[in-house]
N, C-alpha and C. Protein backbone atom coordinates (compact mmCIF):
# COMPACT_ATOMS: atom_id res chain seq x y z
N MET A 1 0.82 -1.20 0.00
CA MET A 1 0.00 0.00 0.00
C MET A 1 0.86 1.26 0.00
N ASN A 2 2.13 1.14 0.33
CA ASN A 2 3.07 2.25 0.31
C ASN A 2 2.76 3.32 1.37
N ASP A 3 2.10 2.90 2.46
CA ASP A 3 1.85 3.79 3.58
C ASP A 3 2.95 3.62 4.62
N VAL A 4 3.18 4.66 5.41
CA VAL A 4 4.19 4.63 6.46
C VAL A 4 3.48 4.88 7.79
N GLY A 5 3.88 4.13 8.80
CA GLY A 5 3.30 4.32 10.12
C GLY A 5 4.13 3.63 11.17
N PHE A 6 3.60 3.59 12.38
CA PHE A 6 4.29 2.90 13.45
C PHE A 6 3.27 2.41 14.47
N GLN A 7 3.72 1.49 15.31
CA GLN A 7 2.87 0.91 16.35
C GLN A 7 3.43 1.34 17.71
N PRO A 8 2.84 2.40 18.32
CA PRO A 8 3.37 2.91 19.58
C PRO A 8 3.14 1.96 20.76
N GLU A 9 2.13 1.12 20.64
CA GLU A 9 1.82 0.13 21.67
C GLU A 9 0.99 -0.96 21.03
N PRO A 10 0.95 -2.13 21.65
CA PRO A 10 0.17 -3.22 21.08
C PRO A 10 -1.30 -2.82 20.88
N GLY A 11 -1.81 -3.13 19.72
CA GLY A 11 -3.20 -2.84 19.42
C GLY A 11 -3.46 -1.44 18.90
N LYS A 12 -2.40 -0.63 18.75
CA LYS A 12 -2.57 0.73 18.25
C LYS A 12 -1.63 0.95 17.07
N LEU A 13 -2.17 1.51 15.98
CA LEU A 13 -1.39 1.78 14.77
C LEU A 13 -1.58 3.25 14.40
N VAL A 14 -0.49 3.92 14.16
CA VAL A 14 -0.53 5.31 13.71
C VAL A 14 -0.02 5.35 12.28
N VAL A 15 -0.87 5.76 11.35
CA VAL A 15 -0.50 5.87 9.95
C VAL A 15 -0.09 7.31 9.69
N LEU A 16 1.14 7.51 9.22
CA LEU A 16 1.66 8.85 8.96
C LEU A 16 1.28 9.36 7.58
N GLY A 17 1.07 8.48 6.64
CA GLY A 17 0.71 8.88 5.28
C GLY A 17 1.45 8.05 4.26
N ARG A 18 1.39 8.50 3.02
CA ARG A 18 2.06 7.81 1.93
C ARG A 18 3.56 7.98 2.07
N ALA A 19 4.30 6.96 1.76
CA ALA A 19 5.76 6.99 1.88
C ALA A 19 6.36 8.13 1.05
N ASP A 20 5.77 8.40 -0.11
CA ASP A 20 6.28 9.46 -0.98
C ASP A 20 6.09 10.85 -0.38
N ASP A 21 5.14 11.01 0.54
CA ASP A 21 4.82 12.32 1.10
C ASP A 21 5.46 12.58 2.46
N ILE A 22 6.08 11.57 3.07
CA ILE A 22 6.70 11.75 4.38
C ILE A 22 7.95 12.62 4.24
N LEU A 23 8.07 13.58 5.14
CA LEU A 23 9.20 14.51 5.12
C LEU A 23 10.28 14.04 6.09
N ASN A 24 11.53 14.26 5.73
CA ASN A 24 12.66 13.95 6.60
C ASN A 24 13.23 15.28 7.08
N ILE A 25 12.80 15.69 8.26
CA ILE A 25 13.18 16.99 8.80
C ILE A 25 14.20 16.77 9.91
N GLY A 26 15.44 17.05 9.60
CA GLY A 26 16.51 16.88 10.59
C GLY A 26 16.62 15.45 11.08
N GLY A 27 16.31 14.49 10.22
CA GLY A 27 16.40 13.09 10.59
C GLY A 27 15.11 12.52 11.16
N GLU A 28 14.13 13.35 11.41
CA GLU A 28 12.84 12.89 11.94
C GLU A 28 11.83 12.80 10.80
N LYS A 29 11.12 11.69 10.73
CA LYS A 29 10.10 11.50 9.70
C LYS A 29 8.78 12.07 10.20
N ILE A 30 8.22 12.99 9.42
CA ILE A 30 6.93 13.56 9.80
C ILE A 30 6.00 13.63 8.59
N SER A 31 4.73 13.59 8.88
CA SER A 31 3.72 13.73 7.84
C SER A 31 3.34 15.20 7.72
N PRO A 32 3.21 15.71 6.50
CA PRO A 32 2.82 17.11 6.34
C PRO A 32 1.34 17.35 6.60
N TYR A 33 0.52 16.30 6.58
CA TYR A 33 -0.92 16.47 6.61
C TYR A 33 -1.49 17.11 7.87
N PRO A 34 -1.05 16.74 9.08
CA PRO A 34 -1.60 17.43 10.25
C PRO A 34 -1.24 18.92 10.28
N ILE A 35 -0.05 19.25 9.81
CA ILE A 35 0.36 20.65 9.76
C ILE A 35 -0.48 21.40 8.73
N GLU A 36 -0.66 20.79 7.57
CA GLU A 36 -1.47 21.42 6.53
C GLU A 36 -2.91 21.61 7.00
N SER A 37 -3.43 20.65 7.71
CA SER A 37 -4.79 20.75 8.22
C SER A 37 -4.93 21.95 9.17
N ALA A 38 -3.97 22.10 10.07
CA ALA A 38 -4.01 23.22 11.01
C ALA A 38 -3.87 24.56 10.29
N LEU A 39 -3.00 24.62 9.29
CA LEU A 39 -2.82 25.87 8.55
C LEU A 39 -4.03 26.19 7.67
N ASN A 40 -4.64 25.15 7.10
CA ASN A 40 -5.83 25.36 6.27
C ASN A 40 -7.00 25.88 7.09
N ALA A 41 -6.99 25.66 8.40
CA ALA A 41 -8.06 26.12 9.27
C ALA A 41 -7.98 27.62 9.56
N ILE A 42 -6.88 28.25 9.18
CA ILE A 42 -6.73 29.69 9.39
C ILE A 42 -7.63 30.44 8.42
N ASP A 43 -8.42 31.36 8.97
CA ASP A 43 -9.29 32.18 8.14
C ASP A 43 -8.44 33.01 7.18
N GLY A 44 -8.74 32.93 5.91
CA GLY A 44 -7.98 33.69 4.91
C GLY A 44 -6.99 32.85 4.12
N VAL A 45 -6.88 31.57 4.47
CA VAL A 45 -5.99 30.65 3.74
C VAL A 45 -6.85 29.76 2.86
N SER A 46 -6.55 29.73 1.56
CA SER A 46 -7.33 28.88 0.66
C SER A 46 -6.57 27.66 0.17
N GLY A 47 -5.29 27.56 0.51
CA GLY A 47 -4.51 26.39 0.14
C GLY A 47 -3.16 26.41 0.83
N VAL A 48 -2.66 25.19 1.13
CA VAL A 48 -1.38 25.05 1.85
C VAL A 48 -0.65 23.82 1.33
N ALA A 49 0.66 23.94 1.23
CA ALA A 49 1.51 22.78 0.99
C ALA A 49 2.69 22.89 1.95
N VAL A 50 2.95 21.83 2.69
CA VAL A 50 4.11 21.78 3.57
C VAL A 50 5.12 20.87 2.91
N LEU A 51 6.32 21.40 2.68
CA LEU A 51 7.34 20.69 1.93
C LEU A 51 8.62 20.56 2.74
N GLN A 52 9.49 19.73 2.24
CA GLN A 52 10.85 19.62 2.77
C GLN A 52 11.80 20.26 1.78
N LEU A 53 12.59 21.21 2.26
CA LEU A 53 13.65 21.78 1.45
C LEU A 53 14.96 21.49 2.16
N ASP A 54 15.94 21.02 1.43
CA ASP A 54 17.23 20.73 2.04
C ASP A 54 18.06 22.00 2.11
N ASN A 55 18.68 22.23 3.27
CA ASN A 55 19.53 23.41 3.42
C ASN A 55 20.90 23.13 2.81
N ALA A 56 21.83 24.05 2.99
CA ALA A 56 23.16 23.94 2.38
C ALA A 56 23.92 22.70 2.86
N PHE A 57 23.52 22.15 4.01
CA PHE A 57 24.18 20.97 4.57
C PHE A 57 23.45 19.68 4.23
N GLY A 58 22.39 19.78 3.41
CA GLY A 58 21.62 18.61 3.03
C GLY A 58 20.62 18.15 4.08
N VAL A 59 20.38 18.99 5.07
CA VAL A 59 19.42 18.65 6.13
C VAL A 59 18.07 19.25 5.75
N GLY A 60 17.02 18.42 5.82
CA GLY A 60 15.69 18.87 5.46
C GLY A 60 15.12 19.84 6.48
N THR A 61 14.52 20.91 5.98
CA THR A 61 13.82 21.87 6.82
C THR A 61 12.40 22.04 6.30
N LEU A 62 11.50 22.46 7.17
CA LEU A 62 10.11 22.66 6.78
C LEU A 62 9.96 23.94 5.98
N TYR A 63 9.15 23.85 4.96
CA TYR A 63 8.86 25.00 4.12
C TYR A 63 7.37 24.99 3.84
N VAL A 64 6.71 26.12 4.10
CA VAL A 64 5.27 26.24 3.97
C VAL A 64 4.95 27.17 2.80
N VAL A 65 4.13 26.70 1.89
CA VAL A 65 3.67 27.53 0.78
C VAL A 65 2.18 27.76 1.00
N ILE A 66 1.81 29.03 1.06
CA ILE A 66 0.44 29.42 1.40
C ILE A 66 -0.21 30.12 0.21
N GLU A 67 -1.45 29.73 -0.08
CA GLU A 67 -2.29 30.43 -1.05
C GLU A 67 -3.31 31.23 -0.25
N PRO A 68 -3.08 32.55 -0.12
CA PRO A 68 -4.03 33.35 0.66
C PRO A 68 -5.28 33.66 -0.17
N GLU A 69 -6.39 33.88 0.54
CA GLU A 69 -7.58 34.35 -0.16
C GLU A 69 -7.29 35.75 -0.69
N PRO A 70 -7.87 36.11 -1.82
CA PRO A 70 -7.61 37.42 -2.41
C PRO A 70 -7.89 38.55 -1.40
N GLY A 71 -6.96 39.50 -1.37
CA GLY A 71 -7.14 40.65 -0.51
C GLY A 71 -6.69 40.47 0.93
N ARG A 72 -6.24 39.28 1.30
CA ARG A 72 -5.80 39.05 2.69
C ARG A 72 -4.42 39.65 2.91
N ASP A 73 -4.23 40.22 4.08
CA ASP A 73 -2.97 40.82 4.46
C ASP A 73 -1.98 39.70 4.83
N GLU A 74 -0.90 39.59 4.08
CA GLU A 74 0.07 38.52 4.32
C GLU A 74 0.76 38.67 5.68
N ARG A 75 0.96 39.89 6.14
CA ARG A 75 1.59 40.08 7.46
C ARG A 75 0.68 39.55 8.57
N ALA A 76 -0.61 39.81 8.46
CA ALA A 76 -1.55 39.31 9.46
C ALA A 76 -1.62 37.78 9.41
N LEU A 77 -1.60 37.22 8.20
CA LEU A 77 -1.59 35.76 8.06
C LEU A 77 -0.31 35.17 8.65
N MET A 78 0.80 35.85 8.46
CA MET A 78 2.08 35.36 8.96
C MET A 78 2.06 35.21 10.48
N ILE A 79 1.39 36.11 11.17
CA ILE A 79 1.27 36.00 12.63
C ILE A 79 0.52 34.72 13.00
N LEU A 80 -0.56 34.44 12.30
CA LEU A 80 -1.36 33.23 12.58
C LEU A 80 -0.60 31.96 12.19
N ILE A 81 0.12 32.02 11.09
CA ILE A 81 0.93 30.87 10.66
C ILE A 81 2.00 30.57 11.71
N THR A 82 2.64 31.61 12.21
CA THR A 82 3.67 31.44 13.23
C THR A 82 3.10 30.82 14.50
N GLN A 83 1.88 31.20 14.86
CA GLN A 83 1.23 30.62 16.04
C GLN A 83 1.01 29.11 15.87
N VAL A 84 0.72 28.68 14.66
CA VAL A 84 0.54 27.25 14.39
C VAL A 84 1.90 26.53 14.39
N MET A 85 2.90 27.15 13.77
CA MET A 85 4.18 26.49 13.57
C MET A 85 5.09 26.50 14.80
N THR A 86 5.03 27.52 15.63
CA THR A 86 5.93 27.66 16.76
C THR A 86 5.91 26.46 17.72
N PRO A 87 4.75 25.91 18.06
CA PRO A 87 4.77 24.75 18.97
C PRO A 87 5.51 23.52 18.40
N LEU A 88 5.74 23.51 17.09
CA LEU A 88 6.45 22.38 16.49
C LEU A 88 7.94 22.44 16.79
N ASN A 89 8.41 23.58 17.32
CA ASN A 89 9.83 23.75 17.66
C ASN A 89 10.75 23.48 16.47
N ARG A 90 10.41 24.02 15.34
CA ARG A 90 11.20 23.79 14.13
C ARG A 90 11.44 25.10 13.41
N THR A 91 12.56 25.16 12.73
CA THR A 91 12.81 26.26 11.82
C THR A 91 11.93 26.01 10.59
N PHE A 92 11.35 27.07 10.07
CA PHE A 92 10.52 26.91 8.88
C PHE A 92 10.59 28.17 8.05
N GLY A 93 10.32 28.01 6.77
CA GLY A 93 10.23 29.13 5.85
C GLY A 93 8.81 29.21 5.32
N VAL A 94 8.43 30.38 4.85
CA VAL A 94 7.08 30.58 4.32
C VAL A 94 7.18 31.36 3.01
N ARG A 95 6.38 30.94 2.06
CA ARG A 95 6.24 31.66 0.80
C ARG A 95 4.75 31.77 0.49
N PHE A 96 4.32 32.93 0.05
CA PHE A 96 2.94 33.14 -0.37
C PHE A 96 2.88 33.08 -1.89
N GLU A 97 1.88 32.37 -2.40
CA GLU A 97 1.65 32.30 -3.85
C GLU A 97 0.19 32.58 -4.11
N PRO A 98 -0.12 33.39 -5.11
CA PRO A 98 -1.52 33.71 -5.38
C PRO A 98 -2.35 32.49 -5.78
N LEU A 99 -1.74 31.55 -6.50
CA LEU A 99 -2.43 30.31 -6.89
C LEU A 99 -1.44 29.15 -6.80
N LEU A 100 -1.80 28.15 -6.04
CA LEU A 100 -0.97 26.95 -5.98
C LEU A 100 -1.26 26.08 -7.20
N PRO A 101 -0.25 25.42 -7.74
CA PRO A 101 -0.50 24.54 -8.89
C PRO A 101 -1.33 23.34 -8.46
N ARG A 102 -2.35 23.05 -9.22
CA ARG A 102 -3.27 21.95 -8.87
C ARG A 102 -3.51 21.05 -10.08
N THR A 103 -3.88 19.82 -9.78
CA THR A 103 -4.28 18.89 -10.83
C THR A 103 -5.70 19.23 -11.27
N ASP A 104 -6.19 18.51 -12.26
CA ASP A 104 -7.56 18.72 -12.73
C ASP A 104 -8.58 18.41 -11.64
N THR A 105 -8.20 17.56 -10.69
CA THR A 105 -9.12 17.21 -9.60
C THR A 105 -8.96 18.12 -8.39
N GLY A 106 -8.05 19.12 -8.46
CA GLY A 106 -7.89 20.08 -7.39
C GLY A 106 -6.81 19.77 -6.38
N LYS A 107 -6.10 18.65 -6.55
CA LYS A 107 -5.04 18.30 -5.62
C LYS A 107 -3.82 19.17 -5.88
N ILE A 108 -3.21 19.67 -4.80
CA ILE A 108 -2.02 20.51 -4.94
C ILE A 108 -0.86 19.67 -5.45
N GLN A 109 -0.15 20.20 -6.43
CA GLN A 109 0.96 19.50 -7.05
C GLN A 109 2.26 19.80 -6.28
N ARG A 110 2.53 18.98 -5.29
CA ARG A 110 3.71 19.17 -4.45
C ARG A 110 5.02 19.14 -5.24
N LYS A 111 5.11 18.25 -6.20
CA LYS A 111 6.36 18.12 -6.95
C LYS A 111 6.66 19.38 -7.74
N VAL A 112 5.64 20.05 -8.23
CA VAL A 112 5.84 21.31 -8.95
C VAL A 112 6.37 22.36 -7.98
N LEU A 113 5.76 22.44 -6.80
CA LEU A 113 6.22 23.40 -5.80
C LEU A 113 7.63 23.09 -5.33
N GLN A 114 7.91 21.80 -5.15
CA GLN A 114 9.24 21.39 -4.68
C GLN A 114 10.30 21.77 -5.69
N ALA A 115 9.96 21.71 -6.98
CA ALA A 115 10.96 21.99 -8.02
C ALA A 115 11.23 23.48 -8.18
N ARG A 116 10.30 24.31 -7.76
CA ARG A 116 10.50 25.76 -7.89
C ARG A 116 11.58 26.24 -6.92
N SER A 117 12.30 27.23 -7.34
CA SER A 117 13.32 27.79 -6.45
C SER A 117 12.62 28.49 -5.29
N ALA A 118 13.24 28.43 -4.13
CA ALA A 118 12.67 29.01 -2.93
C ALA A 118 13.73 29.80 -2.19
N PRO A 119 13.30 30.78 -1.41
CA PRO A 119 14.28 31.52 -0.62
C PRO A 119 14.91 30.61 0.44
N THR A 120 16.06 31.00 0.93
CA THR A 120 16.74 30.25 1.97
C THR A 120 15.88 30.23 3.22
N VAL A 121 15.75 29.04 3.81
CA VAL A 121 14.96 28.90 5.04
C VAL A 121 15.85 28.89 6.24
């Protein structure tokens, strides 16, 4: 099935997501989906992709690409994004894009975003 997860205790299974979507952030494997869900819940956000970008040392760092609703103040959104991300205790970068690339079915195209150049995180 190509899913990744772990068994924290007998009788309990935690599924992190598809193996292709799991991020390696500083050696820790994390799923982007819970983070994306929390960021998508912010009023004024119409799309989110959480990616892994490797820094100059080849270590993965979190990178958030946000599609704000038209007319939303990016500085105000940045405060709310920081409130979501800060408890994760991770360095992260943020980029705002007016429209995220999507498939015909509306799914965000992570590989397209990953391939685009990004500022240093």
